[in-house]
Amino acid sequence: MARNIDGVLLLTPVVSIPERELIVWENPALAERIRTGITEAQARRTVDLGDFTDYATDTNEE
């Protein structure tokens, strides 16, 4: 927040994102890969890799 010469408060809009998503904002190549993946999934151009429950853990890291 800042105040101009007339004493009017100036507010700066802010967008908050989770820290775990910051890497996508900082890495344009990663963001493009994610957009490509979403586009491919929407077009149903995906490959079924099977069930990954063997790799699941009981702990919730979020």
PDB file of N, CA and C in Angstrom:
ATOM      1  N   MET A   1       0.849  -1.163   0.000  1.00  0.00           N
ATOM      2  CA  MET A   1       0.000   0.000   0.000  1.00  0.00           C
ATOM      3  C   MET A   1       0.900   1.233   0.000  1.00  0.00           C
ATOM      4  N   ALA A   2       0.476   2.225  -0.729  1.00  0.00           N
ATOM      5  CA  ALA A   2       1.234   3.479  -0.808  1.00  0.00           C
ATOM      6  C   ALA A   2       0.265   4.643  -0.684  1.00  0.00           C
ATOM      7  N   ARG A   3       0.819   5.797  -0.460  1.00  0.00           N
ATOM      8  CA  ARG A   3       0.007   7.005  -0.336  1.00  0.00           C
ATOM      9  C   ARG A   3       0.570   8.021  -1.325  1.00  0.00           C
ATOM     10  N   ASN A   4      -0.321   8.651  -2.125  1.00  0.00           N
ATOM     11  CA  ASN A   4       0.178   9.647  -3.078  1.00  0.00           C
ATOM     12  C   ASN A   4       0.337  10.999  -2.383  1.00  0.00           C
ATOM     13  N   ILE A   5       0.743  11.981  -3.142  1.00  0.00           N
ATOM     14  CA  ILE A   5       1.043  13.301  -2.578  1.00  0.00           C
ATOM     15  C   ILE A   5      -0.174  13.954  -1.925  1.00  0.00           C
ATOM     16  N   ASP A   6      -1.390  13.589  -2.388  1.00  0.00           N
ATOM     17  CA  ASP A   6      -2.618  14.143  -1.813  1.00  0.00           C
ATOM     18  C   ASP A   6      -3.100  13.359  -0.596  1.00  0.00           C
ATOM     19  N   GLY A   7      -2.369  12.322  -0.218  1.00  0.00           N
ATOM     20  CA  GLY A   7      -2.756  11.513   0.930  1.00  0.00           C
ATOM     21  C   GLY A   7      -3.701  10.375   0.594  1.00  0.00           C
ATOM     22  N   VAL A   8      -3.973  10.182  -0.700  1.00  0.00           N
ATOM     23  CA  VAL A   8      -4.871   9.107  -1.113  1.00  0.00           C
ATOM     24  C   VAL A   8      -4.108   7.783  -1.074  1.00  0.00           C
ATOM     25  N   LEU A   9      -4.726   6.783  -0.472  1.00  0.00           N
ATOM     26  CA  LEU A   9      -4.106   5.465  -0.411  1.00  0.00           C
ATOM     27  C   LEU A   9      -4.195   4.784  -1.767  1.00  0.00           C
ATOM     28  N   LEU A  10      -3.094   4.242  -2.221  1.00  0.00           N
ATOM     29  CA  LEU A  10      -3.051   3.524  -3.489  1.00  0.00           C
ATOM     30  C   LEU A  10      -2.868   2.036  -3.191  1.00  0.00           C
ATOM     31  N   LEU A  11      -3.804   1.243  -3.638  1.00  0.00           N
ATOM     32  CA  LEU A  11      -3.753  -0.196  -3.405  1.00  0.00           C
ATOM     33  C   LEU A  11      -3.234  -0.904  -4.652  1.00  0.00           C
ATOM     34  N   THR A  12      -2.390  -1.872  -4.447  1.00  0.00           N
ATOM     35  CA  THR A  12      -1.849  -2.651  -5.552  1.00  0.00           C
ATOM     36  C   THR A  12      -2.522  -4.020  -5.551  1.00  0.00           C
ATOM     37  N   PRO A  13      -3.208  -4.366  -6.656  1.00  0.00           N
ATOM     38  CA  PRO A  13      -3.847  -5.679  -6.708  1.00  0.00           C
ATOM     39  C   PRO A  13      -2.792  -6.795  -6.665  1.00  0.00           C
ATOM     40  N   VAL A  14      -3.106  -7.878  -5.982  1.00  0.00           N
ATOM     41  CA  VAL A  14      -2.196  -9.007  -5.833  1.00  0.00           C
ATOM     42  C   VAL A  14      -2.963 -10.286  -6.108  1.00  0.00           C
ATOM     43  N   VAL A  15      -2.299 -11.209  -6.784  1.00  0.00           N
ATOM     44  CA  VAL A  15      -2.861 -12.537  -6.998  1.00  0.00           C
ATOM     45  C   VAL A  15      -2.002 -13.510  -6.216  1.00  0.00           C
ATOM     46  N   SER A  16      -2.632 -14.318  -5.410  1.00  0.00           N
ATOM     47  CA  SER A  16      -1.908 -15.275  -4.585  1.00  0.00           C
ATOM     48  C   SER A  16      -1.989 -16.661  -5.213  1.00  0.00           C
ATOM     49  N   ILE A  17      -0.841 -17.348  -5.301  1.00  0.00           N
ATOM     50  CA  ILE A  17      -0.821 -18.730  -5.783  1.00  0.00           C
ATOM     51  C   ILE A  17      -0.081 -19.578  -4.766  1.00  0.00           C
ATOM     52  N   PRO A  18      -0.430 -20.852  -4.675  1.00  0.00           N
ATOM     53  CA  PRO A  18       0.287 -21.728  -3.737  1.00  0.00           C
ATOM     54  C   PRO A  18       1.758 -21.855  -4.132  1.00  0.00           C
ATOM     55  N   GLU A  19       2.623 -21.958  -3.154  1.00  0.00           N
ATOM     56  CA  GLU A  19       4.062 -22.063  -3.409  1.00  0.00           C
ATOM     57  C   GLU A  19       4.388 -23.258  -4.296  1.00  0.00           C
ATOM     58  N   ARG A  20       3.647 -24.361  -4.135  1.00  0.00           N
ATOM     59  CA  ARG A  20       3.923 -25.559  -4.930  1.00  0.00           C
ATOM     60  C   ARG A  20       3.654 -25.331  -6.425  1.00  0.00           C
ATOM     61  N   GLU A  21       2.876 -24.299  -6.777  1.00  0.00           N
ATOM     62  CA  GLU A  21       2.586 -23.992  -8.175  1.00  0.00           C
ATOM     63  C   GLU A  21       3.512 -22.919  -8.742  1.00  0.00           C
ATOM     64  N   LEU A  22       4.349 -22.337  -7.922  1.00  0.00           N
ATOM     65  CA  LEU A  22       5.234 -21.255  -8.347  1.00  0.00           C
ATOM     66  C   LEU A  22       6.176 -21.698  -9.459  1.00  0.00           C
ATOM     67  N   ILE A  23       6.631 -22.947  -9.427  1.00  0.00           N
ATOM     68  CA  ILE A  23       7.561 -23.433 -10.438  1.00  0.00           C
ATOM     69  C   ILE A  23       6.981 -23.297 -11.843  1.00  0.00           C
ATOM     70  N   VAL A  24       5.672 -23.449 -11.988  1.00  0.00           N
ATOM     71  CA  VAL A  24       5.044 -23.330 -13.301  1.00  0.00           C
ATOM     72  C   VAL A  24       5.107 -21.883 -13.788  1.00  0.00           C
ATOM     73  N   TRP A  25       4.927 -20.925 -12.899  1.00  0.00           N
ATOM     74  CA  TRP A  25       4.986 -19.509 -13.266  1.00  0.00           C
ATOM     75  C   TRP A  25       6.411 -19.095 -13.605  1.00  0.00           C
ATOM     76  N   GLU A  26       7.381 -19.724 -12.974  1.00  0.00           N
ATOM     77  CA  GLU A  26       8.775 -19.360 -13.192  1.00  0.00           C
ATOM     78  C   GLU A  26       9.407 -20.098 -14.374  1.00  0.00           C
ATOM     79  N   ASN A  27       8.753 -21.125 -14.886  1.00  0.00           N
ATOM     80  CA  ASN A  27       9.326 -21.946 -15.945  1.00  0.00           C
ATOM     81  C   ASN A  27       8.365 -22.013 -17.135  1.00  0.00           C
ATOM     82  N   PRO A  28       8.518 -21.134 -18.125  1.00  0.00           N
ATOM     83  CA  PRO A  28       7.602 -21.105 -19.270  1.00  0.00           C
ATOM     84  C   PRO A  28       7.552 -22.430 -20.047  1.00  0.00           C
ATOM     85  N   ALA A  29       8.682 -23.149 -20.128  1.00  0.00           N
ATOM     86  CA  ALA A  29       8.691 -24.432 -20.839  1.00  0.00           C
ATOM     87  C   ALA A  29       7.808 -25.450 -20.128  1.00  0.00           C
ATOM     88  N   LEU A  30       7.849 -25.458 -18.808  1.00  0.00           N
ATOM     89  CA  LEU A  30       6.999 -26.368 -18.037  1.00  0.00           C
ATOM     90  C   LEU A  30       5.532 -25.992 -18.216  1.00  0.00           C
ATOM     91  N   ALA A  31       5.222 -24.715 -18.184  1.00  0.00           N
ATOM     92  CA  ALA A  31       3.846 -24.261 -18.380  1.00  0.00           C
ATOM     93  C   ALA A  31       3.330 -24.707 -19.743  1.00  0.00           C
ATOM     94  N   GLU A  32       4.164 -24.623 -20.775  1.00  0.00           N
ATOM     95  CA  GLU A  32       3.757 -25.042 -22.113  1.00  0.00           C
ATOM     96  C   GLU A  32       3.520 -26.551 -22.165  1.00  0.00           C
ATOM     97  N   ARG A  33       4.361 -27.326 -21.494  1.00  0.00           N
ATOM     98  CA  ARG A  33       4.158 -28.781 -21.450  1.00  0.00           C
ATOM     99  C   ARG A  33       2.827 -29.127 -20.777  1.00  0.00           C
ATOM    100  N   ILE A  34       2.494 -28.402 -19.729  1.00  0.00           N
ATOM    101  CA  ILE A  34       1.222 -28.642 -19.034  1.00  0.00           C
ATOM    102  C   ILE A  34       0.051 -28.288 -19.945  1.00  0.00           C
ATOM    103  N   ARG A  35       0.148 -27.127 -20.632  1.00  0.00           N
ATOM    104  CA  ARG A  35      -0.930 -26.740 -21.564  1.00  0.00           C
ATOM    105  C   ARG A  35      -1.093 -27.785 -22.674  1.00  0.00           C
ATOM    106  N   THR A  36       0.033 -28.290 -23.190  1.00  0.00           N
ATOM    107  CA  THR A  36      -0.018 -29.323 -24.226  1.00  0.00           C
ATOM    108  C   THR A  36      -0.696 -30.585 -23.692  1.00  0.00           C
ATOM    109  N   GLY A  37      -0.346 -30.980 -22.501  1.00  0.00           N
ATOM    110  CA  GLY A  37      -0.959 -32.164 -21.886  1.00  0.00           C
ATOM    111  C   GLY A  37      -2.459 -32.004 -21.702  1.00  0.00           C
ATOM    112  N   ILE A  38      -2.874 -30.836 -21.286  1.00  0.00           N
ATOM    113  CA  ILE A  38      -4.308 -30.575 -21.102  1.00  0.00           C
ATOM    114  C   ILE A  38      -5.024 -30.640 -22.449  1.00  0.00           C
ATOM    115  N   THR A  39      -4.425 -30.036 -23.475  1.00  0.00           N
ATOM    116  CA  THR A  39      -5.017 -30.065 -24.821  1.00  0.00           C
ATOM    117  C   THR A  39      -5.134 -31.502 -25.323  1.00  0.00           C
ATOM    118  N   GLU A  40      -4.091 -32.297 -25.126  1.00  0.00           N
ATOM    119  CA  GLU A  40      -4.123 -33.696 -25.565  1.00  0.00           C
ATOM    120  C   GLU A  40      -5.162 -34.501 -24.801  1.00  0.00           C
ATOM    121  N   ALA A  41      -5.281 -34.250 -23.515  1.00  0.00           N
ATOM    122  CA  ALA A  41      -6.281 -34.961 -22.713  1.00  0.00           C
ATOM    123  C   ALA A  41      -7.696 -34.591 -23.159  1.00  0.00           C
ATOM    124  N   GLN A  42      -7.920 -33.313 -23.451  1.00  0.00           N
ATOM    125  CA  GLN A  42      -9.242 -32.882 -23.914  1.00  0.00           C
ATOM    126  C   GLN A  42      -9.589 -33.509 -25.262  1.00  0.00           C
ATOM    127  N   ALA A  43      -8.572 -33.743 -26.099  1.00  0.00           N
ATOM    128  CA  ALA A  43      -8.795 -34.356 -27.416  1.00  0.00           C
ATOM    129  C   ALA A  43      -8.775 -35.886 -27.329  1.00  0.00           C
ATOM    130  N   ARG A  44      -8.671 -36.398 -26.115  1.00  0.00           N
ATOM    131  CA  ARG A  44      -8.640 -37.848 -25.855  1.00  0.00           C
ATOM    132  C   ARG A  44      -7.456 -38.532 -26.538  1.00  0.00           C
ATOM    133  N   ARG A  45      -6.342 -37.815 -26.655  1.00  0.00           N
ATOM    134  CA  ARG A  45      -5.106 -38.398 -27.189  1.00  0.00           C
ATOM    135  C   ARG A  45      -4.209 -38.767 -26.009  1.00  0.00           C
ATOM    136  N   THR A  46      -4.659 -39.735 -25.235  1.00  0.00           N
ATOM    137  CA  THR A  46      -3.923 -40.153 -24.049  1.00  0.00           C
ATOM    138  C   THR A  46      -3.631 -41.648 -24.132  1.00  0.00           C
ATOM    139  N   VAL A  47      -2.756 -42.105 -23.263  1.00  0.00           N
ATOM    140  CA  VAL A  47      -2.392 -43.513 -23.194  1.00  0.00           C
ATOM    141  C   VAL A  47      -2.688 -43.990 -21.779  1.00  0.00           C
ATOM    142  N   ASP A  48      -3.410 -45.084 -21.661  1.00  0.00           N
ATOM    143  CA  ASP A  48      -3.712 -45.658 -20.354  1.00  0.00           C
ATOM    144  C   ASP A  48      -2.470 -46.373 -19.838  1.00  0.00           C
ATOM    145  N   LEU A  49      -1.896 -45.884 -18.762  1.00  0.00           N
ATOM    146  CA  LEU A  49      -0.700 -46.477 -18.179  1.00  0.00           C
ATOM    147  C   LEU A  49      -1.018 -47.418 -17.027  1.00  0.00           C
ATOM    148  N   GLY A  50      -2.292 -47.721 -16.857  1.00  0.00           N
ATOM    149  CA  GLY A  50      -2.676 -48.667 -15.822  1.00  0.00           C
ATOM    150  C   GLY A  50      -2.923 -48.013 -14.481  1.00  0.00           C
ATOM    151  N   ASP A  51      -2.942 -48.863 -13.484  1.00  0.00           N
ATOM    152  CA  ASP A  51      -3.280 -48.480 -12.122  1.00  0.00           C
ATOM    153  C   ASP A  51      -1.997 -48.150 -11.347  1.00  0.00           C
ATOM    154  N   PHE A  52      -1.974 -46.994 -10.708  1.00  0.00           N
ATOM    155  CA  PHE A  52      -0.793 -46.560  -9.974  1.00  0.00           C
ATOM    156  C   PHE A  52      -0.970 -46.648  -8.457  1.00  0.00           C
ATOM    157  N   THR A  53      -1.971 -47.379  -8.004  1.00  0.00           N
ATOM    158  CA  THR A  53      -2.204 -47.456  -6.559  1.00  0.00           C
ATOM    159  C   THR A  53      -1.048 -48.112  -5.819  1.00  0.00           C
ATOM    160  N   ASP A  54      -0.241 -48.921  -6.489  1.00  0.00           N
ATOM    161  CA  ASP A  54       0.930 -49.526  -5.829  1.00  0.00           C
ATOM    162  C   ASP A  54       1.924 -48.464  -5.384  1.00  0.00           C
ATOM    163  N   TYR A  55       1.877 -47.292  -5.985  1.00  0.00           N
ATOM    164  CA  TYR A  55       2.826 -46.220  -5.655  1.00  0.00           C
ATOM    165  C   TYR A  55       2.238 -45.210  -4.678  1.00  0.00           C
ATOM    166  N   ALA A  56       0.978 -45.378  -4.323  1.00  0.00           N
ATOM    167  CA  ALA A  56       0.314 -44.447  -3.402  1.00  0.00           C
ATOM    168  C   ALA A  56       0.824 -44.666  -1.981  1.00  0.00           C
ATOM    169  N   THR A  57       0.835 -43.600  -1.209  1.00  0.00           N
ATOM    170  CA  THR A  57       1.206 -43.697   0.210  1.00  0.00           C
ATOM    171  C   THR A  57       0.013 -43.284   1.046  1.00  0.00           C
ATOM    172  N   ASP A  58       0.060 -43.644   2.302  1.00  0.00           N
ATOM    173  CA  ASP A  58      -1.027 -43.289   3.215  1.00  0.00           C
ATOM    174  C   ASP A  58      -0.884 -41.866   3.732  1.00  0.00           C
ATOM    175  N   THR A  59       0.263 -41.228   3.527  1.00  0.00           N
ATOM    176  CA  THR A  59       0.450 -39.877   4.026  1.00  0.00           C
ATOM    177  C   THR A  59      -0.012 -38.864   3.004  1.00  0.00           C
ATOM    178  N   ASN A  60      -0.582 -37.803   3.497  1.00  0.00           N
ATOM    179  CA  ASN A  60      -1.038 -36.715   2.635  1.00  0.00           C
ATOM    180  C   ASN A  60      -0.041 -35.574   2.782  1.00  0.00           C
ATOM    181  N   GLU A  61       0.754 -35.319   1.733  1.00  0.00           N
ATOM    182  CA  GLU A  61       1.816 -34.324   1.819  1.00  0.00           C
ATOM    183  C   GLU A  61       1.329 -32.901   1.587  1.00  0.00           C
ATOM    184  N   GLU A  62       0.080 -32.693   1.248  1.00  0.00           N
ATOM    185  CA  GLU A  62      -0.413 -31.329   0.997  1.00  0.00           C
ATOM    186  C   GLU A  62      -0.869 -30.677   2.250  1.00  0.00           C
TER     187      GLU A  62
END
